[in-house]
C-alpha atoms as a PDB file:
ATOM      1  CA  UNK A   1     -68.991 -74.444-165.988  1.00  0.00           C
ATOM      2  CA  UNK A   2     -71.571 -72.934-168.324  1.00  0.00           C
ATOM      3  CA  UNK A   3     -70.897 -69.529-169.835  1.00  0.00           C
ATOM      4  CA  UNK A   4     -73.824 -67.964-167.952  1.00  0.00           C
ATOM      5  CA  UNK A   5     -72.413 -69.218-164.640  1.00  0.00           C
ATOM      6  CA  UNK A   6     -68.959 -67.852-165.478  1.00  0.00           C
ATOM      7  CA  UNK A   7     -70.409 -64.457-166.283  1.00  0.00           C
ATOM      8  CA  UNK A   8     -72.373 -64.467-163.025  1.00  0.00           C
ATOM      9  CA  UNK A   9     -69.253 -65.477-161.085  1.00  0.00           C
ATOM     10  CA  UNK A  10     -67.286 -62.681-162.757  1.00  0.00           C
ATOM     11  CA  UNK A  11     -70.072 -60.204-161.976  1.00  0.00           C
ATOM     12  CA  UNK A  12     -70.174 -61.329-158.329  1.00  0.00           C
ATOM     13  CA  UNK A  13     -66.395 -61.008-158.009  1.00  0.00           C
ATOM     14  CA  UNK A  14     -66.478 -57.541-159.582  1.00  0.00           C
ATOM     15  CA  UNK A  15     -69.192 -56.387-157.199  1.00  0.00           C
ATOM     16  CA  UNK A  16     -67.359 -57.801-154.153  1.00  0.00           C
ATOM     17  CA  UNK A  17     -64.138 -56.079-155.230  1.00  0.00           C
ATOM     18  CA  UNK A  18     -65.907 -52.774-155.843  1.00  0.00           C
ATOM     19  CA  UNK A  19     -67.566 -52.949-152.426  1.00  0.00           C
ATOM     20  CA  UNK A  20     -64.150 -53.448-150.820  1.00  0.00           C
ATOM     21  CA  UNK A  21     -62.684 -50.583-152.853  1.00  0.00           C
ATOM     22  CA  UNK A  22     -65.486 -48.283-151.689  1.00  0.00           C
ATOM     23  CA  UNK A  23     -64.319 -48.877-148.112  1.00  0.00           C
ATOM     24  CA  UNK A  24     -60.746 -47.793-148.968  1.00  0.00           C
ATOM     25  CA  UNK A  25     -60.368 -43.981-148.948  1.00  0.00           C
ATOM     26  CA  UNK A  26     -57.322 -44.211-151.214  1.00  0.00           C
ATOM     27  CA  UNK A  27     -59.338 -46.012-153.896  1.00  0.00           C
ATOM     28  CA  UNK A  28     -62.433 -43.790-153.715  1.00  0.00           C
ATOM     29  CA  UNK A  29     -62.006 -41.719-156.847  1.00  0.00           C
ATOM     30  CA  UNK A  30     -64.471 -40.305-159.357  1.00  0.00           C
ATOM     31  CA  UNK A  31     -63.452 -43.155-161.685  1.00  0.00           C
ATOM     32  CA  UNK A  32     -64.420 -45.772-159.097  1.00  0.00           C
ATOM     33  CA  UNK A  33     -67.829 -44.186-158.663  1.00  0.00           C
ATOM     34  CA  UNK A  34     -68.301 -44.172-162.440  1.00  0.00           C
ATOM     35  CA  UNK A  35     -67.557 -47.899-162.528  1.00  0.00           C
ATOM     36  CA  UNK A  36     -69.985 -48.513-159.646  1.00  0.00           C
ATOM     37  CA  UNK A  37     -72.630 -46.501-161.474  1.00  0.00           C
ATOM     38  CA  UNK A  38     -72.067 -48.622-164.582  1.00  0.00           C
ATOM     39  CA  UNK A  39     -72.435 -51.854-162.600  1.00  0.00           C
ATOM     40  CA  UNK A  40     -75.652 -50.567-161.045  1.00  0.00           C
ATOM     41  CA  UNK A  41     -76.975 -49.636-164.485  1.00  0.00           C
ATOM     42  CA  UNK A  42     -75.993 -53.042-165.885  1.00  0.00           C
ATOM     43  CA  UNK A  43     -77.806 -54.749-163.016  1.00  0.00           C
ATOM     44  CA  UNK A  44     -80.855 -52.481-162.970  1.00  0.00           C
ATOM     45  CA  UNK A  45     -83.351 -55.361-162.813  1.00  0.00           C
ATOM     46  CA  UNK A  46     -81.722 -56.678-159.637  1.00  0.00           C
ATOM     47  CA  UNK A  47     -81.501 -53.173-158.166  1.00  0.00           C
ATOM     48  CA  UNK A  48     -85.207 -52.581-158.837  1.00  0.00           C
ATOM     49  CA  UNK A  49     -86.001 -55.606-156.647  1.00  0.00           C
ATOM     50  CA  UNK A  50     -84.033 -54.296-153.644  1.00  0.00           C
ATOM     51  CA  UNK A  51     -85.799 -52.882-150.621  1.00  0.00           C
ATOM     52  CA  UNK A  52     -85.635 -49.058-150.571  1.00  0.00           C
ATOM     53  CA  UNK A  53     -84.672 -49.029-146.884  1.00  0.00           C
ATOM     54  CA  UNK A  54     -81.761 -51.387-147.588  1.00  0.00           C
ATOM     55  CA  UNK A  55     -80.520 -49.138-150.393  1.00  0.00           C
ATOM     56  CA  UNK A  56     -80.719 -46.049-148.176  1.00  0.00           C
ATOM     57  CA  UNK A  57     -78.908 -47.837-145.332  1.00  0.00           C
ATOM     58  CA  UNK A  58     -76.108 -48.874-147.688  1.00  0.00           C
ATOM     59  CA  UNK A  59     -75.842 -45.368-149.148  1.00  0.00           C
ATOM     60  CA  UNK A  60     -75.586 -43.892-145.651  1.00  0.00           C
ATOM     61  CA  UNK A  61     -72.596 -46.150-144.910  1.00  0.00           C
ATOM     62  CA  UNK A  62     -70.637 -44.985-147.953  1.00  0.00           C
ATOM     63  CA  UNK A  63     -68.580 -41.915-147.081  1.00  0.00           C
ATOM     64  CA  UNK A  64     -68.331 -40.127-150.413  1.00  0.00           C
ATOM     65  CA  UNK A  65     -65.395 -37.702-150.323  1.00  0.00           C
ATOM     66  CA  UNK A  66     -66.973 -35.526-153.039  1.00  0.00           C
ATOM     67  CA  UNK A  67     -70.309 -34.685-154.611  1.00  0.00           C
ATOM     68  CA  UNK A  68     -71.344 -35.342-158.190  1.00  0.00           C
ATOM     69  CA  UNK A  69     -72.552 -32.358-160.209  1.00  0.00           C
ATOM     70  CA  UNK A  70     -75.937 -32.437-161.830  1.00  0.00           C
END
């Protein structure tokens, strides 16, 4: 398997795992949200191509137990 494919597979696995962790109230910590934010930043090009309505629908399904300060 080429290095690029391995990195993509690792990235896909990380994202799948993070999505599952976001559904587990015991794993939803500020640290988890920081990791998710980092993954989003690292994948900004892919995020920019997502439909705004899809992003809002996904955000509505995530029950954040706290708010981030600005």
